[in-house]
């Protein structure tokens, strides 16, 4: 099994507004207009790419009626002008009137960052318009790709910018404080192409410009080169950038949600070091398996206009009332349980569990029954409530065939119960059900390496320290994937980059070929690294 290197053909992503014709919906309905306004060359002066331009204004005619979106921020003219131009829109035309003489023998690039919208569906885009006062257009280009450092997925909609050299600002502060003089946007395949460039040295940054202000904000995902500068010339190589989300150790409350009749969820940007949530009545915490997503249940039915008080890292907030009045119910709410069975089968070394949608108050043990294949009662199974919402069954006997719960035997803290008799067919699997994986590697590494085994949901099932041969036991049959994390700082997890420290994120490699694990089988694979 090999880790293949895919060679992508160079496909330039051209920001010249080639997005297709806008469509106008008829009065009786039709497809929604999803296209950005298109330049009408017949009414445009100068035309895109024109040389020897001698005028003092640019007129762009579009295929439909347009509006301007913050032109002073979203229309960038390179090279920069001393005086701001006068920009106006009338019907389908955009006029840029220059208030100074243009430089001779100079290529001007008009970069539009979501500045032009159609007036119906508000479709917009990123594009460039170019002309020259000399006899030629600067023709250099810079091509490359932006890839997520952790997932290795190509990233679309990243703004990629070239910045003028600046000795008065720290290099790591440039994208925060200044806007690029040339910029473009990555396509679906993560590729970008910056065109009409003048030869010279620049700083290069890419980031997901969520607020479209052409400035890197502290929380935005970003990418940068190891080197401070890049020389753009005729033989400049492609640039491959790896993007990462900056690490912020502080914890911020992102979302608060209340679900009738008593579920409270708090979502944080990072797991809080210290927190306390309180209300007029006691709260019961459910273990979600995640430190940044906390779930609590009211001990009893909610009351109108409840408030919750959250203390997080020495700051106390009163959360808005999460509950006003109960919903108007037309029928009773029933408790419908979901088991951890897989097609009626219980995995080895696993306790049978039934999980309900609400925090449970109690259950009637006389209403819970166990039967063998001959429908004979089985006695002695212990049942308890676990993690607020689950019934857990201890040590089901091997002869078990059915679990049955009478209606009304399970009830929540909010006066709801199971409305119908519930039956589940149960088959206990023995330890031979699992599959096993042996992984052989053909290389060694000087840096610590973590090996993750991922399931079909991209969840980490097992992690091991790298060895030339590794074994993963007791795997549920299915498809798996392997991932290597080059743990440079030896902290036992993946670490992103730091722009301030000019440190790139730790490298991650995936074996993209799925590994099929079968029940009762041992599979051995080789992962060969190509140089």
Protein backbone atom coordinates (compact mmCIF):
# COMPACT_ATOMS: atom_id res chain seq x y z
CA UNK A 1 0.00 0.00 0.00
CA UNK A 2 1.55 3.31 -1.03
CA UNK A 3 1.10 6.93 -0.21
CA UNK A 4 0.61 8.35 -3.69
CA UNK A 5 1.66 11.81 -4.77
CA UNK A 6 -0.98 13.42 -6.98
CA UNK A 7 0.32 15.84 -9.58
CA UNK A 8 -2.14 18.59 -10.32
CA UNK A 9 -2.13 20.35 -13.65
CA UNK A 10 -1.67 24.10 -13.43
CA UNK A 11 -5.06 25.64 -13.93
CA UNK A 12 -4.97 29.41 -13.51
CA UNK A 13 -7.80 30.92 -11.52
CA UNK A 14 -8.50 34.08 -13.48
CA UNK A 15 -10.10 36.99 -11.68
CA UNK A 16 -11.50 38.70 -14.78
CA UNK A 17 -15.15 38.21 -13.97
CA UNK A 18 -15.69 35.11 -16.07
CA UNK A 19 -18.62 33.82 -14.06
CA UNK A 20 -21.33 33.33 -16.70
CA UNK A 21 -24.28 35.46 -17.70
CA UNK A 22 -26.72 36.77 -15.11
CA UNK A 23 -30.25 35.46 -15.41
CA UNK A 24 -33.46 37.39 -14.80
CA UNK A 25 -36.29 35.38 -13.33
CA UNK A 26 -39.64 35.68 -15.10
CA UNK A 27 -42.67 36.86 -13.15
CA UNK A 28 -44.15 33.40 -13.01
CA UNK A 29 -41.09 31.89 -11.36
CA UNK A 30 -37.96 30.20 -12.63
CA UNK A 31 -34.39 29.45 -11.62
CA UNK A 32 -32.88 31.79 -9.07
CA UNK A 33 -30.19 34.17 -10.33
CA UNK A 34 -26.99 32.87 -8.76
CA UNK A 35 -24.50 34.60 -11.08
CA UNK A 36 -22.53 37.76 -10.50
CA UNK A 37 -22.98 40.73 -12.87
CA UNK A 38 -20.95 40.28 -16.09
CA UNK A 39 -18.99 43.05 -17.81
CA UNK A 40 -20.48 44.16 -21.14
CA UNK A 41 -17.42 44.88 -23.29
CA UNK A 42 -19.41 46.97 -25.80
CA UNK A 43 -20.10 49.70 -23.23
CA UNK A 44 -16.78 49.51 -21.33
CA UNK A 45 -13.87 51.93 -21.77
CA UNK A 46 -11.03 51.13 -21.65
CA UNK A 47 -11.43 47.46 -22.43
CA UNK A 48 -9.88 44.93 -20.11
CA UNK A 49 -6.18 44.60 -21.00
CA UNK A 50 -6.01 47.81 -23.08
CA UNK A 51 -2.62 49.51 -23.52
CA UNK A 52 -1.66 53.13 -24.28
CA UNK A 53 -4.64 54.43 -22.30
CA UNK A 54 -4.72 58.25 -22.16
CA UNK A 55 -8.06 58.97 -20.46
CA UNK A 56 -8.90 60.17 -16.95
CA UNK A 57 -11.74 57.82 -16.12
CA UNK A 58 -12.80 54.18 -16.40
CA UNK A 59 -16.36 53.20 -17.32
CA UNK A 60 -17.44 49.61 -16.74
CA UNK A 61 -20.79 48.54 -18.13
CA UNK A 62 -22.41 45.42 -16.65
CA UNK A 63 -25.01 42.97 -17.89
CA UNK A 64 -27.58 44.02 -15.26
CA UNK A 65 -28.38 46.78 -12.81
CA UNK A 66 -25.77 47.02 -10.09
CA UNK A 67 -25.11 48.58 -6.70
CA UNK A 68 -21.90 49.46 -4.90
CA UNK A 69 -20.75 47.86 -1.66
CA UNK A 70 -18.35 50.10 0.31
CA UNK A 71 -16.19 51.11 -2.71
CA UNK A 72 -13.58 52.96 -0.63
CA UNK A 73 -12.71 49.68 1.09
CA UNK A 74 -13.57 47.11 -1.58
CA UNK A 75 -12.07 48.67 -4.72
CA UNK A 76 -8.28 48.75 -4.62
CA UNK A 77 -6.26 50.46 -7.37
CA UNK A 78 -2.66 49.40 -7.88
CA UNK A 79 -0.36 51.28 -7.84
CA UNK A 80 -1.98 53.38 -5.16
CA UNK A 81 -3.17 56.88 -6.05
CA UNK A 82 -2.36 60.03 -4.09
CA UNK A 83 -5.92 61.30 -4.42
CA UNK A 84 -8.99 59.14 -3.96
CA UNK A 85 -10.93 58.75 -7.20
CA UNK A 86 -14.62 59.59 -7.50
CA UNK A 87 -16.64 56.38 -7.87
CA UNK A 88 -20.29 56.34 -8.91
CA UNK A 89 -22.92 53.92 -10.20
CA UNK A 90 -25.84 54.70 -12.49
CA UNK A 91 -28.07 51.90 -13.73
CA UNK A 92 -25.69 49.34 -15.24
CA UNK A 93 -22.57 51.52 -15.34
CA UNK A 94 -19.75 52.04 -12.86
CA UNK A 95 -17.61 55.16 -13.35
CA UNK A 96 -14.21 55.72 -11.74
CA UNK A 97 -13.07 59.30 -12.25
CA UNK A 98 -9.38 59.85 -11.50
CA UNK A 99 -8.56 63.07 -9.66
CA UNK A 100 -4.89 63.10 -10.67
CA UNK A 101 -2.83 62.34 -13.73
CA UNK A 102 -2.00 58.68 -14.19
CA UNK A 103 1.65 57.68 -14.34
CA UNK A 104 3.17 57.01 -17.72
CA UNK A 105 4.13 53.49 -18.81
CA UNK A 106 2.33 51.96 -15.84
CA UNK A 107 0.02 48.95 -15.54
CA UNK A 108 -3.01 49.74 -13.37
CA UNK A 109 -4.98 46.95 -11.72
CA UNK A 110 -8.46 47.58 -10.35
CA UNK A 111 -9.18 44.86 -7.76
CA UNK A 112 -12.82 44.42 -6.76
CA UNK A 113 -13.38 42.65 -3.44
CA UNK A 114 -17.15 41.96 -3.41
CA UNK A 115 -17.69 45.61 -4.38
CA UNK A 116 -20.20 45.08 -7.22
CA UNK A 117 -23.58 43.49 -6.57
CA UNK A 118 -26.66 42.95 -8.69
CA UNK A 119 -29.68 44.71 -7.22
CA UNK A 120 -31.96 41.64 -7.23
CA UNK A 121 -30.14 38.73 -5.59
CA UNK A 122 -27.09 40.64 -4.27
CA UNK A 123 -24.67 38.32 -6.07
CA UNK A 124 -21.07 39.56 -5.95
CA UNK A 125 -17.54 38.33 -6.59
CA UNK A 126 -13.82 38.99 -6.52
CA UNK A 127 -12.28 40.07 -9.84
CA UNK A 128 -9.65 42.31 -11.43
CA UNK A 129 -9.69 44.79 -14.31
CA UNK A 130 -6.40 45.88 -15.88
CA UNK A 131 -5.13 48.52 -18.32
CA UNK A 132 -1.83 50.25 -19.03
CA UNK A 133 -0.76 53.78 -19.85
CA UNK A 134 2.24 52.27 -21.62
CA UNK A 135 2.65 49.92 -24.54
CA UNK A 136 2.52 46.71 -22.54
CA UNK A 137 0.79 45.06 -19.58
CA UNK A 138 2.86 43.71 -16.69
CA UNK A 139 2.50 40.02 -17.36
CA UNK A 140 4.08 38.19 -14.44
CA UNK A 141 1.95 35.77 -12.47
CA UNK A 142 2.18 33.87 -9.19
CA UNK A 143 0.36 30.55 -8.92
CA UNK A 144 -0.10 28.17 -6.05
CA UNK A 145 -2.36 26.23 -3.72
CA UNK A 146 -3.73 26.66 -0.19
CA UNK A 147 -4.20 23.43 1.77
CA UNK A 148 -5.49 22.85 5.29
CA UNK A 149 -2.50 21.84 7.40
CA UNK A 150 -4.40 19.24 9.45
CA UNK A 151 -6.89 17.69 7.02
CA UNK A 152 -4.82 18.12 3.82
CA UNK A 153 -8.01 19.36 2.13
CA UNK A 154 -7.73 22.06 -0.53
CA UNK A 155 -9.18 25.36 0.71
CA UNK A 156 -11.52 27.57 -1.32
CA UNK A 157 -12.37 31.27 -0.83
CA UNK A 158 -9.02 32.15 0.75
CA UNK A 159 -7.77 35.63 -0.01
CA UNK A 160 -4.16 35.47 -1.22
CA UNK A 161 -2.28 38.76 -1.19
CA UNK A 162 1.07 40.24 -2.13
CA UNK A 163 2.18 43.11 0.12
CA UNK A 164 4.69 45.88 -0.50
CA UNK A 165 7.91 45.61 1.47
CA UNK A 166 7.65 47.68 4.66
CA UNK A 167 10.58 48.28 7.00
CA UNK A 168 8.53 50.28 9.51
CA UNK A 169 6.22 47.38 10.52
CA UNK A 170 7.15 44.00 11.95
CA UNK A 171 6.77 41.42 9.22
CA UNK A 172 4.23 39.40 11.25
CA UNK A 173 2.05 42.53 11.65
CA UNK A 174 1.87 43.45 7.96
CA UNK A 175 -1.36 41.57 7.07
CA UNK A 176 -3.04 42.91 10.23
CA UNK A 177 -2.22 46.57 9.51
CA UNK A 178 -1.96 46.92 5.72
CA UNK A 179 -3.91 45.70 2.69
CA UNK A 180 -2.33 43.79 -0.19
CA UNK A 181 -1.41 45.62 -3.38
CA UNK A 182 -2.21 42.50 -5.42
CA UNK A 183 -4.72 39.89 -4.34
CA UNK A 184 -6.86 37.03 -5.56
CA UNK A 185 -9.02 34.21 -4.25
CA UNK A 186 -8.63 30.44 -4.18
CA UNK A 187 -10.97 28.31 -6.27
CA UNK A 188 -12.78 25.10 -5.31
CA UNK A 189 -9.56 23.12 -5.83
CA UNK A 190 -7.58 25.46 -3.58
CA UNK A 191 -5.64 27.00 -6.45
CA UNK A 192 -4.96 30.70 -6.94
CA UNK A 193 -3.37 32.82 -9.66
CA UNK A 194 -2.23 36.41 -9.09
CA UNK A 195 -1.77 38.09 -12.47
CA UNK A 196 -0.47 41.32 -14.00
CA UNK A 197 2.33 41.52 -11.46
CA UNK A 198 5.38 43.77 -11.62
CA UNK A 199 8.72 42.10 -11.04
CA UNK A 200 10.00 42.60 -7.51
CA UNK A 201 10.01 41.41 -3.92
CA UNK A 202 6.84 41.13 -1.85
CA UNK A 203 5.45 39.64 1.34
CA UNK A 204 2.90 36.85 0.76
CA UNK A 205 -0.01 35.92 3.05
CA UNK A 206 -3.28 34.04 2.65
CA UNK A 207 -6.25 34.05 4.99
CA UNK A 208 -9.97 33.33 5.12
CA UNK A 209 -11.24 36.91 5.02
CA UNK A 210 -14.59 36.31 6.70
CA UNK A 211 -15.51 39.98 7.13
CA UNK A 212 -14.07 40.95 3.71
CA UNK A 213 -12.01 43.85 5.01
CA UNK A 214 -8.77 42.71 3.32
CA UNK A 215 -7.12 42.67 6.74
CA UNK A 216 -6.12 39.61 8.73
CA UNK A 217 -8.15 39.48 11.93
CA UNK A 218 -6.87 37.62 15.03
CA UNK A 219 -9.37 34.75 14.76
CA UNK A 220 -9.12 34.16 11.00
CA UNK A 221 -7.47 31.07 9.54
CA UNK A 222 -4.21 32.00 7.83
CA UNK A 223 -1.19 30.72 5.89
CA UNK A 224 2.25 32.17 5.25
CA UNK A 225 5.65 31.30 3.82
CA UNK A 226 8.62 30.30 5.92
CA UNK A 227 10.64 33.00 4.17
CA UNK A 228 9.79 36.64 4.88
CA UNK A 229 9.86 37.64 1.21
CA UNK A 230 9.18 36.23 -2.22
CA UNK A 231 10.80 37.40 -5.45
CA UNK A 232 8.30 37.50 -8.30
CA UNK A 233 9.96 37.09 -11.69
CA UNK A 234 9.53 35.06 -14.86
CA UNK A 235 10.75 31.79 -13.33
CA UNK A 236 9.07 32.04 -9.92
CA UNK A 237 7.98 28.58 -8.79
CA UNK A 238 4.52 27.71 -7.56
CA UNK A 239 3.81 28.41 -3.91
CA UNK A 240 2.12 25.83 -1.68
CA UNK A 241 0.71 27.27 1.54
CA UNK A 242 -0.62 25.33 4.53
CA UNK A 243 -3.44 27.03 6.44
CA UNK A 244 -4.23 26.74 10.13
CA UNK A 245 -6.53 28.35 12.67
CA UNK A 246 -4.63 30.36 15.30
CA UNK A 247 -4.60 28.98 18.81
CA UNK A 248 -6.31 31.12 21.40
CA UNK A 249 -5.99 29.74 24.94
CA UNK A 250 -8.78 31.90 26.34
CA UNK A 251 -12.29 30.47 26.55
CA UNK A 252 -15.24 32.39 25.14
CA UNK A 253 -18.92 31.46 25.32
CA UNK A 254 -20.05 31.04 21.71
CA UNK A 255 -23.62 29.82 22.05
CA UNK A 256 -26.30 29.11 24.64
CA UNK A 257 -29.25 26.89 23.82
CA UNK A 258 -32.28 25.74 25.77
CA UNK A 259 -34.43 22.85 24.57
CA UNK A 260 -37.80 22.12 26.12
CA UNK A 261 -38.36 20.72 28.64
CA UNK A 262 -35.02 21.04 30.45
CA UNK A 263 -31.85 20.77 28.37
CA UNK A 264 -29.26 23.57 28.58
CA UNK A 265 -26.24 23.54 26.26
CA UNK A 266 -23.20 25.82 26.45
CA UNK A 267 -20.66 25.89 23.61
CA UNK A 268 -17.23 27.45 24.21
CA UNK A 269 -14.42 28.38 21.86
CA UNK A 270 -12.06 26.38 24.10
CA UNK A 271 -12.62 24.26 27.21
CA UNK A 272 -12.84 26.66 30.16
CA UNK A 273 -10.39 26.15 33.00
CA UNK A 274 -12.99 27.06 35.61
CA UNK A 275 -16.73 27.54 35.24
CA UNK A 276 -19.95 27.39 37.22
CA UNK A 277 -23.51 27.43 35.91
CA UNK A 278 -26.39 28.02 38.30
CA UNK A 279 -30.11 28.78 38.15
CA UNK A 280 -33.21 28.88 40.36
CA UNK A 281 -33.15 25.07 40.51
CA UNK A 282 -30.42 22.45 40.60
CA UNK A 283 -28.71 21.43 37.38
CA UNK A 284 -27.53 17.93 36.48
CA UNK A 285 -24.58 17.68 34.11
CA UNK A 286 -24.43 15.18 31.26
CA UNK A 287 -21.06 13.99 30.00
CA UNK A 288 -20.90 14.86 26.28
CA UNK A 289 -17.37 13.58 25.79
CA UNK A 290 -16.28 17.12 24.85
CA UNK A 291 -14.89 19.77 27.19
CA UNK A 292 -15.97 22.65 24.94
CA UNK A 293 -19.63 21.56 24.77
CA UNK A 294 -21.39 21.32 28.13
CA UNK A 295 -24.92 19.95 28.61
CA UNK A 296 -27.01 20.32 31.77
CA UNK A 297 -30.53 19.18 32.69
CA UNK A 298 -32.93 20.93 35.01
CA UNK A 299 -33.75 18.81 38.02
CA UNK A 300 -37.46 19.50 37.54
CA UNK A 301 -39.91 21.16 35.14
CA UNK A 302 -38.81 24.67 34.10
CA UNK A 303 -40.52 27.83 35.28
CA UNK A 304 -41.26 30.91 33.13
CA UNK A 305 -38.50 33.47 32.56
CA UNK A 306 -35.75 31.36 34.02
CA UNK A 307 -32.30 32.92 34.14
CA UNK A 308 -28.94 31.22 34.33
CA UNK A 309 -25.78 32.59 35.85
CA UNK A 310 -22.46 31.61 34.31
CA UNK A 311 -19.13 32.22 36.03
CA UNK A 312 -16.21 31.52 33.71
CA UNK A 313 -12.62 32.32 34.57
CA UNK A 314 -13.53 34.99 37.14
CA UNK A 315 -16.15 36.66 34.89
CA UNK A 316 -19.85 36.36 35.79
CA UNK A 317 -22.60 36.74 33.19
CA UNK A 318 -26.37 36.59 33.50
CA UNK A 319 -27.56 34.65 30.47
CA UNK A 320 -30.70 35.86 28.77
CA UNK A 321 -33.95 34.12 29.74
CA UNK A 322 -33.86 30.80 27.95
CA UNK A 323 -37.41 29.79 28.66
CA UNK A 324 -40.56 31.91 28.48
CA UNK A 325 -43.54 29.56 28.26
CA UNK A 326 -43.93 25.91 27.41
CA UNK A 327 -44.96 24.89 23.88
CA UNK A 328 -48.63 24.25 23.18
CA UNK A 329 -48.66 20.49 22.85
CA UNK A 330 -51.43 18.72 20.95
CA UNK A 331 -50.38 15.28 22.14
CA UNK A 332 -48.38 13.73 24.92
CA UNK A 333 -44.61 13.61 24.70
CA UNK A 334 -43.40 10.01 24.73
CA UNK A 335 -39.95 8.77 25.59
CA UNK A 336 -38.47 6.78 22.72
CA UNK A 337 -35.25 4.98 23.58
CA UNK A 338 -32.30 4.36 21.25
CA UNK A 339 -29.98 1.41 21.94
CA UNK A 340 -26.27 0.91 21.28
CA UNK A 341 -26.98 -2.26 19.31
CA UNK A 342 -25.55 -2.62 15.82
CA UNK A 343 -28.18 -4.35 13.71
CA UNK A 344 -29.44 -6.11 16.82
CA UNK A 345 -25.97 -7.18 17.94
CA UNK A 346 -24.06 -6.08 21.05
CA UNK A 347 -20.29 -5.68 20.71
CA UNK A 348 -18.06 -7.75 22.99
CA UNK A 349 -17.10 -6.20 26.33
CA UNK A 350 -19.93 -3.67 25.93
CA UNK A 351 -22.83 -3.02 28.30
CA UNK A 352 -26.29 -2.89 26.75
CA UNK A 353 -27.59 0.69 26.91
CA UNK A 354 -30.87 2.44 26.07
CA UNK A 355 -30.63 6.23 25.83
CA UNK A 356 -33.66 8.53 26.06
CA UNK A 357 -34.11 12.15 24.87
CA UNK A 358 -34.64 13.55 28.40
CA UNK A 359 -32.99 13.26 31.81
CA UNK A 360 -34.50 10.28 33.62
CA UNK A 361 -36.08 10.42 37.08
CA UNK A 362 -36.60 6.71 37.67
CA UNK A 363 -37.84 3.42 36.23
CA UNK A 364 -40.06 0.55 37.33
CA UNK A 365 -37.86 -2.53 37.46
CA UNK A 366 -40.93 -4.80 37.39
CA UNK A 367 -41.73 -3.42 33.93
CA UNK A 368 -38.37 -4.48 32.43
CA UNK A 369 -38.18 -8.08 31.16
CA UNK A 370 -35.52 -10.37 29.72
CA UNK A 371 -36.25 -13.48 27.63
CA UNK A 372 -34.31 -16.30 26.03
CA UNK A 373 -35.08 -17.77 22.61
CA UNK A 374 -37.92 -19.84 24.14
CA UNK A 375 -39.53 -16.69 25.60
CA UNK A 376 -38.67 -17.81 29.16
CA UNK A 377 -37.96 -15.09 31.71
CA UNK A 378 -34.35 -14.48 32.70
CA UNK A 379 -33.77 -13.14 36.20
CA UNK A 380 -30.96 -11.28 37.89
CA UNK A 381 -30.03 -8.55 35.39
CA UNK A 382 -29.11 -5.30 37.14
CA UNK A 383 -30.38 -2.01 35.65
CA UNK A 384 -29.28 1.52 36.57
CA UNK A 385 -29.44 5.11 35.26
CA UNK A 386 -26.17 6.41 33.83
CA UNK A 387 -25.16 9.86 32.55
CA UNK A 388 -28.64 11.30 33.22
CA UNK A 389 -30.37 9.80 30.14
CA UNK A 390 -29.38 6.16 29.80
CA UNK A 391 -30.53 2.84 31.22
CA UNK A 392 -27.50 0.55 31.56
CA UNK A 393 -27.84 -3.24 31.85
CA UNK A 394 -25.10 -5.11 33.70
CA UNK A 395 -23.85 -8.46 32.38
CA UNK A 396 -26.58 -9.71 30.07
CA UNK A 397 -26.50 -13.53 30.07
CA UNK A 398 -25.35 -15.32 26.91
CA UNK A 399 -28.79 -16.90 26.38
CA UNK A 400 -30.48 -13.47 26.09
CA UNK A 401 -32.68 -13.01 23.02
CA UNK A 402 -35.12 -10.21 23.92
CA UNK A 403 -35.31 -7.15 26.15
CA UNK A 404 -38.80 -5.72 26.72
CA UNK A 405 -39.97 -2.61 28.57
CA UNK A 406 -43.63 -2.09 29.46
CA UNK A 407 -45.29 1.23 28.67
CA UNK A 408 -45.01 3.67 31.55
CA UNK A 409 -41.99 1.87 33.06
CA UNK A 410 -39.47 4.63 32.28
CA UNK A 411 -40.20 8.25 33.16
CA UNK A 412 -38.26 11.48 32.94
CA UNK A 413 -37.87 14.38 35.36
CA UNK A 414 -40.48 16.30 33.37
CA UNK A 415 -43.48 13.98 33.81
CA UNK A 416 -42.99 12.18 30.48
CA UNK A 417 -42.81 8.40 30.04
CA UNK A 418 -42.63 5.74 27.35
CA UNK A 419 -46.10 5.50 25.84
CA UNK A 420 -45.79 2.06 24.23
CA UNK A 421 -44.35 -1.37 24.98
CA UNK A 422 -40.79 -1.56 23.58
CA UNK A 423 -39.06 -4.72 22.39
CA UNK A 424 -35.48 -5.23 21.25
CA UNK A 425 -33.93 -8.35 19.77
CA UNK A 426 -30.46 -8.78 21.28
CA UNK A 427 -27.56 -10.99 20.20
CA UNK A 428 -24.31 -10.99 22.20
CA UNK A 429 -21.16 -11.17 20.10
CA UNK A 430 -18.08 -12.95 21.44
CA UNK A 431 -14.52 -11.60 21.37
CA UNK A 432 -13.73 -13.32 18.05
CA UNK A 433 -16.07 -10.84 16.32
CA UNK A 434 -13.39 -8.14 16.15
CA UNK A 435 -10.85 -7.67 13.40
CA UNK A 436 -7.16 -6.77 13.73
CA UNK A 437 -4.70 -4.66 11.76
CA UNK A 438 -0.91 -4.94 11.43
CA UNK A 439 0.83 -1.91 9.90
CA UNK A 440 4.34 -2.10 8.45
CA UNK A 441 6.28 1.09 7.67
CA UNK A 442 9.37 1.27 5.47
CA UNK A 443 11.07 4.23 7.12
CA UNK A 444 12.05 5.82 10.41
CA UNK A 445 11.84 9.41 11.61
CA UNK A 446 14.08 11.53 13.79
CA UNK A 447 11.12 13.48 15.18
CA UNK A 448 8.34 11.92 17.30
CA UNK A 449 5.43 10.71 15.16
CA UNK A 450 1.88 9.86 16.24
CA UNK A 451 -0.12 7.28 14.27
CA UNK A 452 -3.90 7.74 14.30
CA UNK A 453 -6.39 5.13 13.16
CA UNK A 454 -9.60 6.82 11.95
CA UNK A 455 -13.02 5.30 11.34
CA UNK A 456 -15.48 6.15 8.56
CA UNK A 457 -16.69 9.20 10.53
CA UNK A 458 -13.10 10.51 10.69
CA UNK A 459 -13.05 9.83 14.43
CA UNK A 460 -9.82 8.77 16.09
CA UNK A 461 -10.25 5.17 17.26
CA UNK A 462 -6.72 4.46 18.43
CA UNK A 463 -3.42 6.38 18.62
CA UNK A 464 0.06 4.88 18.91
CA UNK A 465 3.61 6.15 18.90
CA UNK A 466 5.34 5.37 15.62
CA UNK A 467 7.18 2.07 15.19
CA UNK A 468 8.28 0.19 12.10
CA UNK A 469 5.53 -2.34 12.88
CA UNK A 470 2.32 -1.52 14.78
CA UNK A 471 -0.69 -3.59 15.74
CA UNK A 472 -4.28 -2.36 16.22
CA UNK A 473 -6.50 -4.93 17.92
CA UNK A 474 -10.23 -5.31 18.63
CA UNK A 475 -11.48 -3.26 15.68
CA UNK A 476 -15.14 -3.13 14.68
CA UNK A 477 -15.49 -4.37 11.08
CA UNK A 478 -15.57 -1.48 8.63
CA UNK A 479 -13.39 0.95 6.70
CA UNK A 480 -10.46 2.73 8.35
CA UNK A 481 -7.82 5.29 7.45
CA UNK A 482 -4.34 6.02 8.82
CA UNK A 483 -2.81 9.38 9.67
CA UNK A 484 0.70 10.42 10.73
CA UNK A 485 1.24 13.52 12.87
CA UNK A 486 4.83 14.75 13.06
CA UNK A 487 4.87 15.84 16.69
CA UNK A 488 7.80 18.27 16.51
CA UNK A 489 7.31 19.67 20.03
CA UNK A 490 6.63 16.19 21.48
CA UNK A 491 3.44 17.26 23.30
CA UNK A 492 1.38 14.27 22.18
CA UNK A 493 -0.95 16.19 19.86
CA UNK A 494 -1.05 18.20 16.65
CA UNK A 495 0.09 21.82 17.02
CA UNK A 496 -0.81 24.58 14.58
CA UNK A 497 1.51 27.31 13.37
CA UNK A 498 2.36 30.75 14.72
CA UNK A 499 2.67 33.80 12.52
CA UNK A 500 4.41 35.76 15.26
CA UNK A 501 7.01 33.03 15.72
CA UNK A 502 7.20 32.35 11.95
CA UNK A 503 6.51 28.71 12.83
CA UNK A 504 4.68 26.45 10.41
CA UNK A 505 2.04 23.96 11.64
CA UNK A 506 3.15 20.43 12.33
CA UNK A 507 3.05 18.21 9.28
CA UNK A 508 0.25 15.68 8.81
CA UNK A 509 0.21 12.81 6.30
CA UNK A 510 -2.79 10.66 5.37
CA UNK A 511 -2.92 7.26 3.75
CA UNK A 512 -5.93 7.96 1.57
CA UNK A 513 -6.57 4.32 0.68
CA UNK A 514 -9.34 2.90 2.86
CA UNK A 515 -8.48 -0.18 4.89
CA UNK A 516 -11.29 -2.74 5.04
CA UNK A 517 -11.32 -4.65 8.35
CA UNK A 518 -13.39 -7.84 8.43
CA UNK A 519 -14.80 -9.69 11.40
CA UNK A 520 -12.53 -12.45 12.76
CA UNK A 521 -9.79 -11.52 10.29
CA UNK A 522 -6.28 -10.15 10.79
CA UNK A 523 -5.15 -7.79 8.03
CA UNK A 524 -1.53 -6.80 7.37
CA UNK A 525 -0.64 -3.79 5.19
CA UNK A 526 2.52 -1.98 4.13
CA UNK A 527 2.67 1.82 3.97
CA UNK A 528 5.59 2.81 1.77
CA UNK A 529 6.66 6.44 1.73
CA UNK A 530 7.74 7.76 -1.65
CA UNK A 531 10.61 10.22 -1.68
